[in-house]
Amino acid sequence: VSRGLNRTSKQSVHEPILLFALSVLCAALLYR
């Protein structure tokens, strides 16, 4: 059995969602 180097990367899913929600909130406040 040959063993190789496996790399896994973890990317947070909540950060893009929070940024999108924050920008929608800011847009709504500005519009209001």
ModelCIF file with pLDDT and N, C-alpha, C, O atoms, coordinates in Angstrom:
data_MODEL
#
_entry.id   MODEL 
#
_entity.id                         1 
_entity.type                       polymer 
_entity.pdbx_number_of_molecules   1 
#
_entity_poly.entity_id                      1 
_entity_poly.type                           'polypeptide(L)' 
_entity_poly.nstd_linkage                   no 
_entity_poly.nstd_monomer                   no 
_entity_poly.pdbx_seq_one_letter_code       VSRGLNRTSKQSVHEPILLFALSVLCAALLYR 
_entity_poly.pdbx_seq_one_letter_code_can   VSRGLNRTSKQSVHEPILLFALSVLCAALLYR 
_entity_poly.pdbx_strand_id                 A 
#
loop_
_entity_poly_seq.entity_id 
_entity_poly_seq.num 
_entity_poly_seq.mon_id 
_entity_poly_seq.hetero 
1 1  VAL n 
1 2  SER n 
1 3  ARG n 
1 4  GLY n 
1 5  LEU n 
1 6  ASN n 
1 7  ARG n 
1 8  THR n 
1 9  SER n 
1 10 LYS n 
1 11 GLN n 
1 12 SER n 
1 13 VAL n 
1 14 HIS n 
1 15 GLU n 
1 16 PRO n 
1 17 ILE n 
1 18 LEU n 
1 19 LEU n 
1 20 PHE n 
1 21 ALA n 
1 22 LEU n 
1 23 SER n 
1 24 VAL n 
1 25 LEU n 
1 26 CYS n 
1 27 ALA n 
1 28 ALA n 
1 29 LEU n 
1 30 LEU n 
1 31 TYR n 
1 32 ARG n 
#
_struct_asym.id          A 
_struct_asym.entity_id   1 
#
loop_
_ma_qa_metric.id 
_ma_qa_metric.mode 
_ma_qa_metric.name 
_ma_qa_metric.software_group_id 
_ma_qa_metric.type 
1 global pLDDT . pLDDT 
2 local  pLDDT . pLDDT 
#
_ma_qa_metric_global.metric_id      1 
_ma_qa_metric_global.metric_value   81.34 
_ma_qa_metric_global.model_id       1 
_ma_qa_metric_global.ordinal_id     1 
#
loop_
_ma_qa_metric_local.label_asym_id 
_ma_qa_metric_local.label_comp_id 
_ma_qa_metric_local.label_seq_id 
_ma_qa_metric_local.metric_id 
_ma_qa_metric_local.metric_value 
_ma_qa_metric_local.model_id 
_ma_qa_metric_local.ordinal_id 
A VAL 1  2 65.00 1 1  
A SER 2  2 65.00 1 2  
A ARG 3  2 70.00 1 3  
A GLY 4  2 73.00 1 4  
A LEU 5  2 74.00 1 5  
A ASN 6  2 75.00 1 6  
A ARG 7  2 75.00 1 7  
A THR 8  2 77.00 1 8  
A SER 9  2 74.00 1 9  
A LYS 10 2 74.00 1 10 
A GLN 11 2 73.00 1 11 
A SER 12 2 74.00 1 12 
A VAL 13 2 76.00 1 13 
A HIS 14 2 80.00 1 14 
A GLU 15 2 83.00 1 15 
A PRO 16 2 81.00 1 16 
A ILE 17 2 86.00 1 17 
A LEU 18 2 87.00 1 18 
A LEU 19 2 89.00 1 19 
A PHE 20 2 89.00 1 20 
A ALA 21 2 90.00 1 21 
A LEU 22 2 92.00 1 22 
A SER 23 2 92.00 1 23 
A VAL 24 2 91.00 1 24 
A LEU 25 2 92.00 1 25 
A CYS 26 2 90.00 1 26 
A ALA 27 2 89.00 1 27 
A ALA 28 2 88.00 1 28 
A LEU 29 2 87.00 1 29 
A LEU 30 2 86.00 1 30 
A TYR 31 2 84.00 1 31 
A ARG 32 2 82.00 1 32 
#
loop_
_atom_site.group_PDB 
_atom_site.id 
_atom_site.type_symbol 
_atom_site.label_atom_id 
_atom_site.label_alt_id 
_atom_site.label_comp_id 
_atom_site.label_asym_id 
_atom_site.label_entity_id 
_atom_site.label_seq_id 
_atom_site.pdbx_PDB_ins_code 
_atom_site.Cartn_x 
_atom_site.Cartn_y 
_atom_site.Cartn_z 
_atom_site.occupancy 
_atom_site.B_iso_or_equiv 
_atom_site.pdbx_formal_charge 
_atom_site.auth_seq_id 
_atom_site.auth_comp_id 
_atom_site.auth_asym_id 
_atom_site.auth_atom_id 
_atom_site.pdbx_PDB_model_num 
ATOM 1   N N  . VAL A 1 1  ? 0.862   -1.172 0.000  1.00 65.00 ? 1  VAL A N  1 
ATOM 2   C CA . VAL A 1 1  ? 0.000   0.000  0.000  1.00 65.00 ? 1  VAL A CA 1 
ATOM 3   C C  . VAL A 1 1  ? 0.900   1.223  0.000  1.00 65.00 ? 1  VAL A C  1 
ATOM 4   O O  . VAL A 1 1  ? 1.744   1.396  0.879  1.00 65.00 ? 1  VAL A O  1 
ATOM 5   N N  . SER A 1 2  ? 0.706   2.056  -0.992 1.00 65.00 ? 2  SER A N  1 
ATOM 6   C CA . SER A 1 2  ? 1.497   3.274  -1.079 1.00 65.00 ? 2  SER A CA 1 
ATOM 7   C C  . SER A 1 2  ? 0.787   4.376  -0.326 1.00 65.00 ? 2  SER A C  1 
ATOM 8   O O  . SER A 1 2  ? -0.412  4.599  -0.492 1.00 65.00 ? 2  SER A O  1 
ATOM 9   N N  . ARG A 1 3  ? 1.540   5.051  0.494  1.00 70.00 ? 3  ARG A N  1 
ATOM 10  C CA . ARG A 1 3  ? 0.948   6.143  1.265  1.00 70.00 ? 3  ARG A CA 1 
ATOM 11  C C  . ARG A 1 3  ? 1.408   7.458  0.668  1.00 70.00 ? 3  ARG A C  1 
ATOM 12  O O  . ARG A 1 3  ? 2.597   7.669  0.428  1.00 70.00 ? 3  ARG A O  1 
ATOM 13  N N  . GLY A 1 4  ? 0.473   8.316  0.438  1.00 73.00 ? 4  GLY A N  1 
ATOM 14  C CA . GLY A 1 4  ? 0.786   9.629  -0.091 1.00 73.00 ? 4  GLY A CA 1 
ATOM 15  C C  . GLY A 1 4  ? 0.291   10.707 0.849  1.00 73.00 ? 4  GLY A C  1 
ATOM 16  O O  . GLY A 1 4  ? -0.387  10.436 1.840  1.00 73.00 ? 4  GLY A O  1 
ATOM 17  N N  . LEU A 1 5  ? 0.638   11.907 0.522  1.00 74.00 ? 5  LEU A N  1 
ATOM 18  C CA . LEU A 1 5  ? 0.230   13.040 1.342  1.00 74.00 ? 5  LEU A CA 1 
ATOM 19  C C  . LEU A 1 5  ? -1.124  13.527 0.861  1.00 74.00 ? 5  LEU A C  1 
ATOM 20  O O  . LEU A 1 5  ? -1.285  13.878 -0.308 1.00 74.00 ? 5  LEU A O  1 
ATOM 21  N N  . ASN A 1 6  ? -2.077  13.548 1.744  1.00 75.00 ? 6  ASN A N  1 
ATOM 22  C CA . ASN A 1 6  ? -3.399  14.072 1.433  1.00 75.00 ? 6  ASN A CA 1 
ATOM 23  C C  . ASN A 1 6  ? -3.582  15.385 2.162  1.00 75.00 ? 6  ASN A C  1 
ATOM 24  O O  . ASN A 1 6  ? -3.317  15.490 3.359  1.00 75.00 ? 6  ASN A O  1 
ATOM 25  N N  . ARG A 1 7  ? -4.030  16.367 1.439  1.00 75.00 ? 7  ARG A N  1 
ATOM 26  C CA . ARG A 1 7  ? -4.303  17.650 2.070  1.00 75.00 ? 7  ARG A CA 1 
ATOM 27  C C  . ARG A 1 7  ? -5.781  17.954 1.957  1.00 75.00 ? 7  ARG A C  1 
ATOM 28  O O  . ARG A 1 7  ? -6.397  17.772 0.907  1.00 75.00 ? 7  ARG A O  1 
ATOM 29  N N  . THR A 1 8  ? -6.317  18.407 3.031  1.00 77.00 ? 8  THR A N  1 
ATOM 30  C CA . THR A 1 8  ? -7.706  18.839 3.023  1.00 77.00 ? 8  THR A CA 1 
ATOM 31  C C  . THR A 1 8  ? -7.740  20.274 3.501  1.00 77.00 ? 8  THR A C  1 
ATOM 32  O O  . THR A 1 8  ? -7.005  20.668 4.406  1.00 77.00 ? 8  THR A O  1 
ATOM 33  N N  . SER A 1 9  ? -8.596  21.034 2.884  1.00 74.00 ? 9  SER A N  1 
ATOM 34  C CA . SER A 1 9  ? -8.737  22.419 3.326  1.00 74.00 ? 9  SER A CA 1 
ATOM 35  C C  . SER A 1 9  ? -10.170 22.623 3.781  1.00 74.00 ? 9  SER A C  1 
ATOM 36  O O  . SER A 1 9  ? -11.114 22.097 3.191  1.00 74.00 ? 9  SER A O  1 
ATOM 37  N N  . LYS A 1 10 ? -10.301 23.368 4.802  1.00 74.00 ? 10 LYS A N  1 
ATOM 38  C CA . LYS A 1 10 ? -11.621 23.667 5.344  1.00 74.00 ? 10 LYS A CA 1 
ATOM 39  C C  . LYS A 1 10 ? -11.921 25.124 5.076  1.00 74.00 ? 10 LYS A C  1 
ATOM 40  O O  . LYS A 1 10 ? -11.154 26.018 5.435  1.00 74.00 ? 10 LYS A O  1 
ATOM 41  N N  . GLN A 1 11 ? -13.056 25.342 4.437  1.00 73.00 ? 11 GLN A N  1 
ATOM 42  C CA . GLN A 1 11 ? -13.484 26.701 4.171  1.00 73.00 ? 11 GLN A CA 1 
ATOM 43  C C  . GLN A 1 11 ? -14.787 26.930 4.909  1.00 73.00 ? 11 GLN A C  1 
ATOM 44  O O  . GLN A 1 11 ? -15.736 26.154 4.793  1.00 73.00 ? 11 GLN A O  1 
ATOM 45  N N  . SER A 1 12 ? -14.811 27.982 5.649  1.00 74.00 ? 12 SER A N  1 
ATOM 46  C CA . SER A 1 12 ? -15.985 28.289 6.429  1.00 74.00 ? 12 SER A CA 1 
ATOM 47  C C  . SER A 1 12 ? -17.117 28.725 5.500  1.00 74.00 ? 12 SER A C  1 
ATOM 48  O O  . SER A 1 12 ? -16.915 29.555 4.614  1.00 74.00 ? 12 SER A O  1 
ATOM 49  N N  . VAL A 1 13 ? -18.293 28.167 5.706  1.00 76.00 ? 13 VAL A N  1 
ATOM 50  C CA . VAL A 1 13 ? -19.451 28.503 4.884  1.00 76.00 ? 13 VAL A CA 1 
ATOM 51  C C  . VAL A 1 13 ? -20.203 29.689 5.479  1.00 76.00 ? 13 VAL A C  1 
ATOM 52  O O  . VAL A 1 13 ? -20.869 30.419 4.745  1.00 76.00 ? 13 VAL A O  1 
ATOM 53  N N  . HIS A 1 14 ? -20.114 29.893 6.770  1.00 80.00 ? 14 HIS A N  1 
ATOM 54  C CA . HIS A 1 14 ? -20.916 30.936 7.396  1.00 80.00 ? 14 HIS A CA 1 
ATOM 55  C C  . HIS A 1 14 ? -20.401 32.340 7.094  1.00 80.00 ? 14 HIS A C  1 
ATOM 56  O O  . HIS A 1 14 ? -21.183 33.290 7.131  1.00 80.00 ? 14 HIS A O  1 
ATOM 57  N N  . GLU A 1 15 ? -19.115 32.503 6.797  1.00 83.00 ? 15 GLU A N  1 
ATOM 58  C CA . GLU A 1 15 ? -18.593 33.841 6.532  1.00 83.00 ? 15 GLU A CA 1 
ATOM 59  C C  . GLU A 1 15 ? -19.221 34.491 5.299  1.00 83.00 ? 15 GLU A C  1 
ATOM 60  O O  . GLU A 1 15 ? -19.669 35.633 5.395  1.00 83.00 ? 15 GLU A O  1 
ATOM 61  N N  . PRO A 1 16 ? -19.277 33.816 4.141  1.00 81.00 ? 16 PRO A N  1 
ATOM 62  C CA . PRO A 1 16 ? -19.924 34.447 2.986  1.00 81.00 ? 16 PRO A CA 1 
ATOM 63  C C  . PRO A 1 16 ? -21.404 34.752 3.221  1.00 81.00 ? 16 PRO A C  1 
ATOM 64  O O  . PRO A 1 16 ? -21.917 35.771 2.760  1.00 81.00 ? 16 PRO A O  1 
ATOM 65  N N  . ILE A 1 17 ? -22.084 33.857 3.945  1.00 86.00 ? 17 ILE A N  1 
ATOM 66  C CA . ILE A 1 17 ? -23.504 34.082 4.220  1.00 86.00 ? 17 ILE A CA 1 
ATOM 67  C C  . ILE A 1 17 ? -23.683 35.304 5.116  1.00 86.00 ? 17 ILE A C  1 
ATOM 68  O O  . ILE A 1 17 ? -24.570 36.124 4.880  1.00 86.00 ? 17 ILE A O  1 
ATOM 69  N N  . LEU A 1 18 ? -22.843 35.427 6.146  1.00 87.00 ? 18 LEU A N  1 
ATOM 70  C CA . LEU A 1 18 ? -22.921 36.591 7.026  1.00 87.00 ? 18 LEU A CA 1 
ATOM 71  C C  . LEU A 1 18 ? -22.609 37.888 6.269  1.00 87.00 ? 18 LEU A C  1 
ATOM 72  O O  . LEU A 1 18 ? -23.275 38.903 6.474  1.00 87.00 ? 18 LEU A O  1 
ATOM 73  N N  . LEU A 1 19 ? -21.607 37.853 5.405  1.00 89.00 ? 19 LEU A N  1 
ATOM 74  C CA . LEU A 1 19 ? -21.284 39.047 4.615  1.00 89.00 ? 19 LEU A CA 1 
ATOM 75  C C  . LEU A 1 19 ? -22.440 39.436 3.699  1.00 89.00 ? 19 LEU A C  1 
ATOM 76  O O  . LEU A 1 19 ? -22.753 40.619 3.565  1.00 89.00 ? 19 LEU A O  1 
ATOM 77  N N  . PHE A 1 20 ? -23.073 38.454 3.069  1.00 89.00 ? 20 PHE A N  1 
ATOM 78  C CA . PHE A 1 20 ? -24.211 38.734 2.208  1.00 89.00 ? 20 PHE A CA 1 
ATOM 79  C C  . PHE A 1 20 ? -25.366 39.327 3.026  1.00 89.00 ? 20 PHE A C  1 
ATOM 80  O O  . PHE A 1 20 ? -25.973 40.316 2.613  1.00 89.00 ? 20 PHE A O  1 
ATOM 81  N N  . ALA A 1 21 ? -25.666 38.731 4.174  1.00 90.00 ? 21 ALA A N  1 
ATOM 82  C CA . ALA A 1 21 ? -26.760 39.229 5.015  1.00 90.00 ? 21 ALA A CA 1 
ATOM 83  C C  . ALA A 1 21 ? -26.468 40.633 5.518  1.00 90.00 ? 21 ALA A C  1 
ATOM 84  O O  . ALA A 1 21 ? -27.371 41.467 5.572  1.00 90.00 ? 21 ALA A O  1 
ATOM 85  N N  . LEU A 1 22 ? -25.222 40.909 5.888  1.00 92.00 ? 22 LEU A N  1 
ATOM 86  C CA . LEU A 1 22 ? -24.836 42.241 6.352  1.00 92.00 ? 22 LEU A CA 1 
ATOM 87  C C  . LEU A 1 22 ? -24.984 43.277 5.242  1.00 92.00 ? 22 LEU A C  1 
ATOM 88  O O  . LEU A 1 22 ? -25.459 44.388 5.477  1.00 92.00 ? 22 LEU A O  1 
ATOM 89  N N  . SER A 1 23 ? -24.571 42.902 4.023  1.00 92.00 ? 23 SER A N  1 
ATOM 90  C CA . SER A 1 23 ? -24.704 43.850 2.921  1.00 92.00 ? 23 SER A CA 1 
ATOM 91  C C  . SER A 1 23 ? -26.174 44.094 2.559  1.00 92.00 ? 23 SER A C  1 
ATOM 92  O O  . SER A 1 23 ? -26.532 45.217 2.206  1.00 92.00 ? 23 SER A O  1 
ATOM 93  N N  . VAL A 1 24 ? -27.031 43.069 2.638  1.00 91.00 ? 24 VAL A N  1 
ATOM 94  C CA . VAL A 1 24 ? -28.467 43.261 2.395  1.00 91.00 ? 24 VAL A CA 1 
ATOM 95  C C  . VAL A 1 24 ? -29.057 44.170 3.464  1.00 91.00 ? 24 VAL A C  1 
ATOM 96  O O  . VAL A 1 24 ? -29.876 45.036 3.157  1.00 91.00 ? 24 VAL A O  1 
ATOM 97  N N  . LEU A 1 25 ? -28.649 43.981 4.722  1.00 92.00 ? 25 LEU A N  1 
ATOM 98  C CA . LEU A 1 25 ? -29.127 44.816 5.802  1.00 92.00 ? 25 LEU A CA 1 
ATOM 99  C C  . LEU A 1 25 ? -28.708 46.270 5.598  1.00 92.00 ? 25 LEU A C  1 
ATOM 100 O O  . LEU A 1 25 ? -29.515 47.184 5.773  1.00 92.00 ? 25 LEU A O  1 
ATOM 101 N N  . CYS A 1 26 ? -27.446 46.480 5.229  1.00 90.00 ? 26 CYS A N  1 
ATOM 102 C CA . CYS A 1 26 ? -26.966 47.845 4.978  1.00 90.00 ? 26 CYS A CA 1 
ATOM 103 C C  . CYS A 1 26 ? -27.717 48.487 3.817  1.00 90.00 ? 26 CYS A C  1 
ATOM 104 O O  . CYS A 1 26 ? -28.087 49.659 3.879  1.00 90.00 ? 26 CYS A O  1 
ATOM 105 N N  . ALA A 1 27 ? -27.938 47.713 2.763  1.00 89.00 ? 27 ALA A N  1 
ATOM 106 C CA . ALA A 1 27 ? -28.676 48.241 1.603  1.00 89.00 ? 27 ALA A CA 1 
ATOM 107 C C  . ALA A 1 27 ? -30.110 48.607 2.009  1.00 89.00 ? 27 ALA A C  1 
ATOM 108 O O  . ALA A 1 27 ? -30.635 49.630 1.570  1.00 89.00 ? 27 ALA A O  1 
ATOM 109 N N  . ALA A 1 28 ? -30.728 47.792 2.828  1.00 88.00 ? 28 ALA A N  1 
ATOM 110 C CA . ALA A 1 28 ? -32.096 48.073 3.275  1.00 88.00 ? 28 ALA A CA 1 
ATOM 111 C C  . ALA A 1 28 ? -32.144 49.328 4.131  1.00 88.00 ? 28 ALA A C  1 
ATOM 112 O O  . ALA A 1 28 ? -33.065 50.135 3.997  1.00 88.00 ? 28 ALA A O  1 
ATOM 113 N N  . LEU A 1 29 ? -31.153 49.503 5.020  1.00 87.00 ? 29 LEU A N  1 
ATOM 114 C CA . LEU A 1 29 ? -31.112 50.711 5.850  1.00 87.00 ? 29 LEU A CA 1 
ATOM 115 C C  . LEU A 1 29 ? -30.869 51.951 4.999  1.00 87.00 ? 29 LEU A C  1 
ATOM 116 O O  . LEU A 1 29 ? -31.518 52.977 5.198  1.00 87.00 ? 29 LEU A O  1 
ATOM 117 N N  . LEU A 1 30 ? -29.951 51.863 4.066  1.00 86.00 ? 30 LEU A N  1 
ATOM 118 C CA . LEU A 1 30 ? -29.696 53.000 3.174  1.00 86.00 ? 30 LEU A CA 1 
ATOM 119 C C  . LEU A 1 30 ? -30.945 53.345 2.358  1.00 86.00 ? 30 LEU A C  1 
ATOM 120 O O  . LEU A 1 30 ? -31.301 54.516 2.225  1.00 86.00 ? 30 LEU A O  1 
ATOM 121 N N  . TYR A 1 31 ? -31.590 52.344 1.827  1.00 84.00 ? 31 TYR A N  1 
ATOM 122 C CA . TYR A 1 31 ? -32.809 52.570 1.040  1.00 84.00 ? 31 TYR A CA 1 
ATOM 123 C C  . TYR A 1 31 ? -33.863 53.230 1.904  1.00 84.00 ? 31 TYR A C  1 
ATOM 124 O O  . TYR A 1 31 ? -34.524 54.170 1.461  1.00 84.00 ? 31 TYR A O  1 
ATOM 125 N N  . ARG A 1 32 ? -34.031 52.758 3.125  1.00 82.00 ? 32 ARG A N  1 
ATOM 126 C CA . ARG A 1 32 ? -35.032 53.305 4.027  1.00 82.00 ? 32 ARG A CA 1 
ATOM 127 C C  . ARG A 1 32 ? -34.724 54.759 4.387  1.00 82.00 ? 32 ARG A C  1 
ATOM 128 O O  . ARG A 1 32 ? -35.471 55.379 5.144  1.00 82.00 ? 32 ARG A O  1 
#
